Amino acid sequence: MGQKVNPIGLRLGINRTWDSRWYAEGGEYSKMLHEDIHIRKVLRERLAQAGVAKIVIERPAKRARVTIHTARPGVVIGKKGADIEKLRGD
């Protein structure tokens, strides 16, 4: 009998990368993890109509860079970038 393997865990590092790219020490890890989960939850709720496929969060030097892979970028950006600026403000 074969072993059941998580397909995402198997492909990480081969043909797929992590969805969160950051490093934290000690107590900061749990804080940053909860922030990541909260960011993903809020974005998926607000951009439900945009067809979000993937959210990548990177944290270089006390900043956060969020990359959203979506099927409908016009819904995310909005008229003249108004919706994306509103998301950045929140």
PDB file of N, CA and C in Angstrom:
ATOM      1  N   MET A   1       0.826  -1.187   0.000  1.00  0.00           N
ATOM      2  CA  MET A   1       0.000   0.000   0.000  1.00  0.00           C
ATOM      3  C   MET A   1       0.868   1.247   0.000  1.00  0.00           C
ATOM      4  N   GLY A   2       0.417   2.256  -0.707  1.00  0.00           N
ATOM      5  CA  GLY A   2       1.165   3.508  -0.769  1.00  0.00           C
ATOM      6  C   GLY A   2       0.844   4.408   0.411  1.00  0.00           C
ATOM      7  N   GLN A   3       1.734   5.324   0.654  1.00  0.00           N
ATOM      8  CA  GLN A   3       1.537   6.289   1.731  1.00  0.00           C
ATOM      9  C   GLN A   3       0.825   7.519   1.181  1.00  0.00           C
ATOM     10  N   LYS A   4      -0.015   8.104   2.004  1.00  0.00           N
ATOM     11  CA  LYS A   4      -0.734   9.311   1.604  1.00  0.00           C
ATOM     12  C   LYS A   4       0.133  10.523   1.957  1.00  0.00           C
ATOM     13  N   VAL A   5       0.416  11.332   0.963  1.00  0.00           N
ATOM     14  CA  VAL A   5       1.302  12.475   1.135  1.00  0.00           C
ATOM     15  C   VAL A   5       0.547  13.738   0.749  1.00  0.00           C
ATOM     16  N   ASN A   6       0.750  14.809   1.515  1.00  0.00           N
ATOM     17  CA  ASN A   6       0.152  16.092   1.190  1.00  0.00           C
ATOM     18  C   ASN A   6       0.798  16.616  -0.096  1.00  0.00           C
ATOM     19  N   PRO A   7       0.021  16.875  -1.149  1.00  0.00           N
ATOM     20  CA  PRO A   7       0.605  17.282  -2.430  1.00  0.00           C
ATOM     21  C   PRO A   7       1.322  18.629  -2.373  1.00  0.00           C
ATOM     22  N   ILE A   8       0.848  19.550  -1.543  1.00  0.00           N
ATOM     23  CA  ILE A   8       1.518  20.850  -1.443  1.00  0.00           C
ATOM     24  C   ILE A   8       2.870  20.678  -0.760  1.00  0.00           C
ATOM     25  N   GLY A   9       2.904  19.927   0.324  1.00  0.00           N
ATOM     26  CA  GLY A   9       4.162  19.689   1.033  1.00  0.00           C
ATOM     27  C   GLY A   9       5.177  18.964   0.169  1.00  0.00           C
ATOM     28  N   LEU A  10       4.709  18.080  -0.679  1.00  0.00           N
ATOM     29  CA  LEU A  10       5.599  17.334  -1.562  1.00  0.00           C
ATOM     30  C   LEU A  10       6.235  18.240  -2.615  1.00  0.00           C
ATOM     31  N   ARG A  11       5.470  19.208  -3.126  1.00  0.00           N
ATOM     32  CA  ARG A  11       5.954  20.063  -4.211  1.00  0.00           C
ATOM     33  C   ARG A  11       6.714  21.305  -3.740  1.00  0.00           C
ATOM     34  N   LEU A  12       6.641  21.644  -2.454  1.00  0.00           N
ATOM     35  CA  LEU A  12       7.343  22.833  -1.968  1.00  0.00           C
ATOM     36  C   LEU A  12       8.833  22.710  -2.234  1.00  0.00           C
ATOM     37  N   GLY A  13       9.380  23.720  -2.825  1.00  0.00           N
ATOM     38  CA  GLY A  13      10.806  23.719  -3.134  1.00  0.00           C
ATOM     39  C   GLY A  13      11.140  23.101  -4.473  1.00  0.00           C
ATOM     40  N   ILE A  14      10.227  22.356  -5.062  1.00  0.00           N
ATOM     41  CA  ILE A  14      10.483  21.734  -6.361  1.00  0.00           C
ATOM     42  C   ILE A  14       9.867  22.586  -7.464  1.00  0.00           C
ATOM     43  N   ASN A  15       8.544  22.685  -7.461  1.00  0.00           N
ATOM     44  CA  ASN A  15       7.884  23.499  -8.481  1.00  0.00           C
ATOM     45  C   ASN A  15       6.844  24.436  -7.880  1.00  0.00           C
ATOM     46  N   ARG A  16       6.933  24.665  -6.590  1.00  0.00           N
ATOM     47  CA  ARG A  16       6.034  25.578  -5.905  1.00  0.00           C
ATOM     48  C   ARG A  16       6.796  26.209  -4.744  1.00  0.00           C
ATOM     49  N   THR A  17       6.437  27.455  -4.396  1.00  0.00           N
ATOM     50  CA  THR A  17       7.106  28.123  -3.283  1.00  0.00           C
ATOM     51  C   THR A  17       6.122  28.343  -2.141  1.00  0.00           C
ATOM     52  N   TRP A  18       6.637  28.829  -1.037  1.00  0.00           N
ATOM     53  CA  TRP A  18       5.813  29.108   0.132  1.00  0.00           C
ATOM     54  C   TRP A  18       4.891  30.290  -0.145  1.00  0.00           C
ATOM     55  N   ASP A  19       3.730  30.312   0.502  1.00  0.00           N
ATOM     56  CA  ASP A  19       2.809  31.441   0.364  1.00  0.00           C
ATOM     57  C   ASP A  19       3.153  32.571   1.332  1.00  0.00           C
ATOM     58  N   SER A  20       3.928  32.280   2.353  1.00  0.00           N
ATOM     59  CA  SER A  20       4.421  33.299   3.283  1.00  0.00           C
ATOM     60  C   SER A  20       5.939  33.209   3.305  1.00  0.00           C
ATOM     61  N   ARG A  21       6.585  34.350   3.073  1.00  0.00           N
ATOM     62  CA  ARG A  21       8.049  34.360   3.034  1.00  0.00           C
ATOM     63  C   ARG A  21       8.572  35.361   4.053  1.00  0.00           C
ATOM     64  N   TRP A  22       8.835  34.876   5.251  1.00  0.00           N
ATOM     65  CA  TRP A  22       9.398  35.708   6.301  1.00  0.00           C
ATOM     66  C   TRP A  22       9.978  34.824   7.385  1.00  0.00           C
ATOM     67  N   TYR A  23      10.780  35.445   8.240  1.00  0.00           N
ATOM     68  CA  TYR A  23      11.411  34.725   9.335  1.00  0.00           C
ATOM     69  C   TYR A  23      11.202  35.527  10.611  1.00  0.00           C
ATOM     70  N   ALA A  24      10.890  34.843  11.703  1.00  0.00           N
ATOM     71  CA  ALA A  24      10.711  35.506  12.992  1.00  0.00           C
ATOM     72  C   ALA A  24      11.315  34.648  14.087  1.00  0.00           C
ATOM     73  N   GLU A  25      11.779  35.298  15.117  1.00  0.00           N
ATOM     74  CA  GLU A  25      12.369  34.584  16.243  1.00  0.00           C
ATOM     75  C   GLU A  25      11.452  34.670  17.460  1.00  0.00           C
ATOM     76  N   GLY A  26      11.451  33.618  18.253  1.00  0.00           N
ATOM     77  CA  GLY A  26      10.763  33.605  19.542  1.00  0.00           C
ATOM     78  C   GLY A  26       9.288  33.944  19.478  1.00  0.00           C
ATOM     79  N   GLY A  27       8.880  34.880  20.334  1.00  0.00           N
ATOM     80  CA  GLY A  27       7.474  35.257  20.449  1.00  0.00           C
ATOM     81  C   GLY A  27       6.929  36.004  19.252  1.00  0.00           C
ATOM     82  N   GLU A  28       7.798  36.534  18.419  1.00  0.00           N
ATOM     83  CA  GLU A  28       7.347  37.256  17.230  1.00  0.00           C
ATOM     84  C   GLU A  28       6.685  36.329  16.217  1.00  0.00           C
ATOM     85  N   TYR A  29       7.064  35.065  16.210  1.00  0.00           N
ATOM     86  CA  TYR A  29       6.543  34.130  15.214  1.00  0.00           C
ATOM     87  C   TYR A  29       5.024  34.010  15.317  1.00  0.00           C
ATOM     88  N   SER A  30       4.510  33.785  16.520  1.00  0.00           N
ATOM     89  CA  SER A  30       3.064  33.600  16.669  1.00  0.00           C
ATOM     90  C   SER A  30       2.316  34.881  16.330  1.00  0.00           C
ATOM     91  N   LYS A  31       2.875  36.039  16.695  1.00  0.00           N
ATOM     92  CA  LYS A  31       2.243  37.317  16.377  1.00  0.00           C
ATOM     93  C   LYS A  31       2.148  37.508  14.862  1.00  0.00           C
ATOM     94  N   MET A  32       3.245  37.244  14.167  1.00  0.00           N
ATOM     95  CA  MET A  32       3.261  37.418  12.714  1.00  0.00           C
ATOM     96  C   MET A  32       2.366  36.394  12.016  1.00  0.00           C
ATOM     97  N   LEU A  33       2.314  35.187  12.541  1.00  0.00           N
ATOM     98  CA  LEU A  33       1.452  34.161  11.962  1.00  0.00           C
ATOM     99  C   LEU A  33      -0.015  34.566  12.066  1.00  0.00           C
ATOM    100  N   HIS A  34      -0.423  35.076  13.226  1.00  0.00           N
ATOM    101  CA  HIS A  34      -1.804  35.527  13.396  1.00  0.00           C
ATOM    102  C   HIS A  34      -2.112  36.721  12.491  1.00  0.00           C
ATOM    103  N   GLU A  35      -1.146  37.609  12.307  1.00  0.00           N
ATOM    104  CA  GLU A  35      -1.329  38.726  11.380  1.00  0.00           C
ATOM    105  C   GLU A  35      -1.528  38.215   9.958  1.00  0.00           C
ATOM    106  N   ASP A  36      -0.728  37.242   9.538  1.00  0.00           N
ATOM    107  CA  ASP A  36      -0.869  36.655   8.201  1.00  0.00           C
ATOM    108  C   ASP A  36      -2.251  36.047   8.006  1.00  0.00           C
ATOM    109  N   ILE A  37      -2.696  35.290   8.983  1.00  0.00           N
ATOM    110  CA  ILE A  37      -4.015  34.655   8.893  1.00  0.00           C
ATOM    111  C   ILE A  37      -5.104  35.714   8.805  1.00  0.00           C
ATOM    112  N   HIS A  38      -4.986  36.771   9.605  1.00  0.00           N
ATOM    113  CA  HIS A  38      -5.977  37.849   9.590  1.00  0.00           C
ATOM    114  C   HIS A  38      -5.977  38.579   8.237  1.00  0.00           C
ATOM    115  N   ILE A  39      -4.793  38.873   7.704  1.00  0.00           N
ATOM    116  CA  ILE A  39      -4.690  39.549   6.402  1.00  0.00           C
ATOM    117  C   ILE A  39      -5.345  38.710   5.314  1.00  0.00           C
ATOM    118  N   ARG A  40      -5.051  37.421   5.287  1.00  0.00           N
ATOM    119  CA  ARG A  40      -5.637  36.539   4.274  1.00  0.00           C
ATOM    120  C   ARG A  40      -7.159  36.482   4.395  1.00  0.00           C
ATOM    121  N   LYS A  41      -7.658  36.395   5.624  1.00  0.00           N
ATOM    122  CA  LYS A  41      -9.104  36.316   5.850  1.00  0.00           C
ATOM    123  C   LYS A  41      -9.797  37.592   5.374  1.00  0.00           C
ATOM    124  N   VAL A  42      -9.254  38.747   5.748  1.00  0.00           N
ATOM    125  CA  VAL A  42      -9.850  40.028   5.357  1.00  0.00           C
ATOM    126  C   VAL A  42      -9.827  40.198   3.840  1.00  0.00           C
ATOM    127  N   LEU A  43      -8.706  39.876   3.208  1.00  0.00           N
ATOM    128  CA  LEU A  43      -8.612  40.026   1.754  1.00  0.00           C
ATOM    129  C   LEU A  43      -9.569  39.091   1.025  1.00  0.00           C
ATOM    130  N   ARG A  44      -9.683  37.859   1.485  1.00  0.00           N
ATOM    131  CA  ARG A  44     -10.609  36.922   0.826  1.00  0.00           C
ATOM    132  C   ARG A  44     -12.059  37.381   0.973  1.00  0.00           C
ATOM    133  N   GLU A  45     -12.415  37.986   2.120  1.00  0.00           N
ATOM    134  CA  GLU A  45     -13.775  38.492   2.311  1.00  0.00           C
ATOM    135  C   GLU A  45     -14.041  39.708   1.430  1.00  0.00           C
ATOM    136  N   ARG A  46     -13.112  40.661   1.421  1.00  0.00           N
ATOM    137  CA  ARG A  46     -13.317  41.896   0.657  1.00  0.00           C
ATOM    138  C   ARG A  46     -13.227  41.688  -0.848  1.00  0.00           C
ATOM    139  N   LEU A  47     -12.427  40.723  -1.277  1.00  0.00           N
ATOM    140  CA  LEU A  47     -12.218  40.502  -2.703  1.00  0.00           C
ATOM    141  C   LEU A  47     -12.869  39.208  -3.173  1.00  0.00           C
ATOM    142  N   ALA A  48     -14.008  38.874  -2.600  1.00  0.00           N
ATOM    143  CA  ALA A  48     -14.691  37.626  -2.952  1.00  0.00           C
ATOM    144  C   ALA A  48     -15.098  37.607  -4.427  1.00  0.00           C
ATOM    145  N   GLN A  49     -15.437  38.765  -4.983  1.00  0.00           N
ATOM    146  CA  GLN A  49     -15.880  38.842  -6.377  1.00  0.00           C
ATOM    147  C   GLN A  49     -14.718  38.888  -7.369  1.00  0.00           C
ATOM    148  N   ALA A  50     -13.491  39.001  -6.873  1.00  0.00           N
ATOM    149  CA  ALA A  50     -12.334  39.173  -7.761  1.00  0.00           C
ATOM    150  C   ALA A  50     -11.704  37.859  -8.200  1.00  0.00           C
ATOM    151  N   GLY A  51     -12.117  36.741  -7.642  1.00  0.00           N
ATOM    152  CA  GLY A  51     -11.540  35.453  -8.025  1.00  0.00           C
ATOM    153  C   GLY A  51     -10.096  35.304  -7.572  1.00  0.00           C
ATOM    154  N   VAL A  52      -9.848  35.527  -6.292  1.00  0.00           N
ATOM    155  CA  VAL A  52      -8.491  35.450  -5.740  1.00  0.00           C
ATOM    156  C   VAL A  52      -8.025  34.004  -5.738  1.00  0.00           C
ATOM    157  N   ALA A  53      -6.898  33.745  -6.388  1.00  0.00           N
ATOM    158  CA  ALA A  53      -6.346  32.396  -6.449  1.00  0.00           C
ATOM    159  C   ALA A  53      -5.278  32.180  -5.389  1.00  0.00           C
ATOM    160  N   LYS A  54      -4.491  33.224  -5.112  1.00  0.00           N
ATOM    161  CA  LYS A  54      -3.351  33.049  -4.215  1.00  0.00           C
ATOM    162  C   LYS A  54      -2.981  34.396  -3.608  1.00  0.00           C
ATOM    163  N   ILE A  55      -2.598  34.370  -2.335  1.00  0.00           N
ATOM    164  CA  ILE A  55      -2.117  35.564  -1.647  1.00  0.00           C
ATOM    165  C   ILE A  55      -0.733  35.240  -1.096  1.00  0.00           C
ATOM    166  N   VAL A  56       0.267  36.006  -1.519  1.00  0.00           N
ATOM    167  CA  VAL A  56       1.646  35.798  -1.069  1.00  0.00           C
ATOM    168  C   VAL A  56       2.026  36.969  -0.167  1.00  0.00           C
ATOM    169  N   ILE A  57       2.527  36.659   1.031  1.00  0.00           N
ATOM    170  CA  ILE A  57       2.922  37.692   1.983  1.00  0.00           C
ATOM    171  C   ILE A  57       4.422  37.587   2.228  1.00  0.00           C
ATOM    172  N   GLU A  58       5.124  38.700   1.986  1.00  0.00           N
ATOM    173  CA  GLU A  58       6.560  38.781   2.241  1.00  0.00           C
ATOM    174  C   GLU A  58       6.781  39.896   3.259  1.00  0.00           C
ATOM    175  N   ARG A  59       7.736  39.700   4.150  1.00  0.00           N
ATOM    176  CA  ARG A  59       8.016  40.704   5.181  1.00  0.00           C
ATOM    177  C   ARG A  59       9.506  41.034   5.210  1.00  0.00           C
ATOM    178  N   PRO A  60       9.938  41.938   4.338  1.00  0.00           N
ATOM    179  CA  PRO A  60      11.337  42.375   4.411  1.00  0.00           C
ATOM    180  C   PRO A  60      11.468  43.602   5.319  1.00  0.00           C
ATOM    181  N   ALA A  61      12.303  43.530   6.328  1.00  0.00           N
ATOM    182  CA  ALA A  61      12.684  44.663   7.178  1.00  0.00           C
ATOM    183  C   ALA A  61      11.508  45.474   7.723  1.00  0.00           C
ATOM    184  N   LYS A  62      10.701  44.879   8.558  1.00  0.00           N
ATOM    185  CA  LYS A  62       9.600  45.541   9.274  1.00  0.00           C
ATOM    186  C   LYS A  62       8.541  46.143   8.358  1.00  0.00           C
ATOM    187  N   ARG A  63       8.403  45.619   7.181  1.00  0.00           N
ATOM    188  CA  ARG A  63       7.351  46.022   6.249  1.00  0.00           C
ATOM    189  C   ARG A  63       6.636  44.767   5.801  1.00  0.00           C
ATOM    190  N   ALA A  64       5.518  44.933   5.146  1.00  0.00           N
ATOM    191  CA  ALA A  64       4.799  43.780   4.606  1.00  0.00           C
ATOM    192  C   ALA A  64       4.470  44.054   3.143  1.00  0.00           C
ATOM    193  N   ARG A  65       4.773  43.095   2.291  1.00  0.00           N
ATOM    194  CA  ARG A  65       4.448  43.183   0.874  1.00  0.00           C
ATOM    195  C   ARG A  65       3.458  42.065   0.577  1.00  0.00           C
ATOM    196  N   VAL A  66       2.268  42.438   0.135  1.00  0.00           N
ATOM    197  CA  VAL A  66       1.220  41.465  -0.155  1.00  0.00           C
ATOM    198  C   VAL A  66       1.007  41.429  -1.662  1.00  0.00           C
ATOM    199  N   THR A  67       1.144  40.251  -2.245  1.00  0.00           N
ATOM    200  CA  THR A  67       0.920  40.054  -3.673  1.00  0.00           C
ATOM    201  C   THR A  67      -0.341  39.222  -3.836  1.00  0.00           C
ATOM    202  N   ILE A  68      -1.291  39.748  -4.614  1.00  0.00           N
ATOM    203  CA  ILE A  68      -2.568  39.066  -4.809  1.00  0.00           C
ATOM    204  C   ILE A  68      -2.645  38.583  -6.250  1.00  0.00           C
ATOM    205  N   HIS A  69      -2.804  37.279  -6.422  1.00  0.00           N
ATOM    206  CA  HIS A  69      -2.998  36.689  -7.749  1.00  0.00           C
ATOM    207  C   HIS A  69      -4.505  36.528  -7.938  1.00  0.00           C
ATOM    208  N   THR A  70      -5.048  37.228  -8.930  1.00  0.00           N
ATOM    209  CA  THR A  70      -6.495  37.250  -9.113  1.00  0.00           C
ATOM    210  C   THR A  70      -6.873  37.102 -10.584  1.00  0.00           C
ATOM    211  N   ALA A  71      -8.072  36.612 -10.798  1.00  0.00           N
ATOM    212  CA  ALA A  71      -8.582  36.448 -12.156  1.00  0.00           C
ATOM    213  C   ALA A  71      -9.150  37.758 -12.699  1.00  0.00           C
ATOM    214  N   ARG A  72      -9.571  38.647 -11.796  1.00  0.00           N
ATOM    215  CA  ARG A  72     -10.184  39.908 -12.214  1.00  0.00           C
ATOM    216  C   ARG A  72      -9.482  41.088 -11.537  1.00  0.00           C
ATOM    217  N   PRO A  73      -8.341  41.515 -12.055  1.00  0.00           N
ATOM    218  CA  PRO A  73      -7.594  42.592 -11.405  1.00  0.00           C
ATOM    219  C   PRO A  73      -8.334  43.931 -11.388  1.00  0.00           C
ATOM    220  N   GLY A  74      -9.224  44.148 -12.325  1.00  0.00           N
ATOM    221  CA  GLY A  74      -9.986  45.392 -12.350  1.00  0.00           C
ATOM    222  C   GLY A  74     -10.854  45.573 -11.119  1.00  0.00           C
ATOM    223  N   VAL A  75     -11.359  44.477 -10.578  1.00  0.00           N
ATOM    224  CA  VAL A  75     -12.176  44.538  -9.369  1.00  0.00           C
ATOM    225  C   VAL A  75     -11.311  44.933  -8.174  1.00  0.00           C
ATOM    226  N   VAL A  76     -10.091  44.454  -8.133  1.00  0.00           N
ATOM    227  CA  VAL A  76      -9.182  44.764  -7.025  1.00  0.00           C
ATOM    228  C   VAL A  76      -8.704  46.211  -7.115  1.00  0.00           C
ATOM    229  N   ILE A  77      -8.330  46.654  -8.303  1.00  0.00           N
ATOM    230  CA  ILE A  77      -7.761  47.990  -8.481  1.00  0.00           C
ATOM    231  C   ILE A  77      -8.832  49.072  -8.393  1.00  0.00           C
ATOM    232  N   GLY A  78      -9.962  48.862  -9.032  1.00  0.00           N
ATOM    233  CA  GLY A  78     -11.033  49.849  -9.010  1.00  0.00           C
ATOM    234  C   GLY A  78     -10.788  50.978  -9.995  1.00  0.00           C
ATOM    235  N   LYS A  79     -11.675  51.960  -9.975  1.00  0.00           N
ATOM    236  CA  LYS A  79     -11.559  53.114 -10.865  1.00  0.00           C
ATOM    237  C   LYS A  79     -10.390  53.987 -10.435  1.00  0.00           C
ATOM    238  N   LYS A  80      -9.444  54.170 -11.331  1.00  0.00           N
ATOM    239  CA  LYS A  80      -8.253  54.994 -11.106  1.00  0.00           C
ATOM    240  C   LYS A  80      -7.491  54.598  -9.846  1.00  0.00           C
ATOM    241  N   GLY A  81      -7.545  53.324  -9.472  1.00  0.00           N
ATOM    242  CA  GLY A  81      -6.774  52.839  -8.327  1.00  0.00           C
ATOM    243  C   GLY A  81      -7.380  53.149  -6.974  1.00  0.00           C
ATOM    244  N   ALA A  82      -8.641  53.546  -6.936  1.00  0.00           N
ATOM    245  CA  ALA A  82      -9.275  53.944  -5.678  1.00  0.00           C
ATOM    246  C   ALA A  82      -9.416  52.773  -4.709  1.00  0.00           C
ATOM    247  N   ASP A  83      -9.820  51.613  -5.216  1.00  0.00           N
ATOM    248  CA  ASP A  83     -10.033  50.464  -4.330  1.00  0.00           C
ATOM    249  C   ASP A  83      -8.724  49.931  -3.758  1.00  0.00           C
ATOM    250  N   ILE A  84      -7.671  49.934  -4.546  1.00  0.00           N
ATOM    251  CA  ILE A  84      -6.389  49.432  -4.050  1.00  0.00           C
ATOM    252  C   ILE A  84      -5.816  50.387  -3.005  1.00  0.00           C
ATOM    253  N   GLU A  85      -6.026  51.682  -3.180  1.00  0.00           N
ATOM    254  CA  GLU A  85      -5.567  52.655  -2.177  1.00  0.00           C
ATOM    255  C   GLU A  85      -6.348  52.497  -0.879  1.00  0.00           C
ATOM    256  N   LYS A  86      -7.632  52.179  -0.989  1.00  0.00           N
ATOM    257  CA  LYS A  86      -8.452  51.941   0.205  1.00  0.00           C
ATOM    258  C   LYS A  86      -7.951  50.703   0.953  1.00  0.00           C
ATOM    259  N   LEU A  87      -7.592  49.655   0.206  1.00  0.00           N
ATOM    260  CA  LEU A  87      -7.041  48.447   0.836  1.00  0.00           C
ATOM    261  C   LEU A  87      -5.709  48.747   1.528  1.00  0.00           C
ATOM    262  N   ARG A  88      -4.871  49.546   0.903  1.00  0.00           N
ATOM    263  CA  ARG A  88      -3.583  49.901   1.507  1.00  0.00           C
ATOM    264  C   ARG A  88      -3.783  50.693   2.790  1.00  0.00           C
ATOM    265  N   GLY A  89      -4.790  51.551   2.810  1.00  0.00           N
ATOM    266  CA  GLY A  89      -5.064  52.357   3.998  1.00  0.00           C
ATOM    267  C   GLY A  89      -5.539  51.529   5.171  1.00  0.00           C
ATOM    268  N   ASP A  90      -6.257  50.456   4.869  1.00  0.00           N
ATOM    269  CA  ASP A  90      -6.763  49.591   5.940  1.00  0.00           C
ATOM    270  C   ASP A  90      -5.672  48.656   6.347  1.00  0.00           C
TER     271      ASP A  90
END
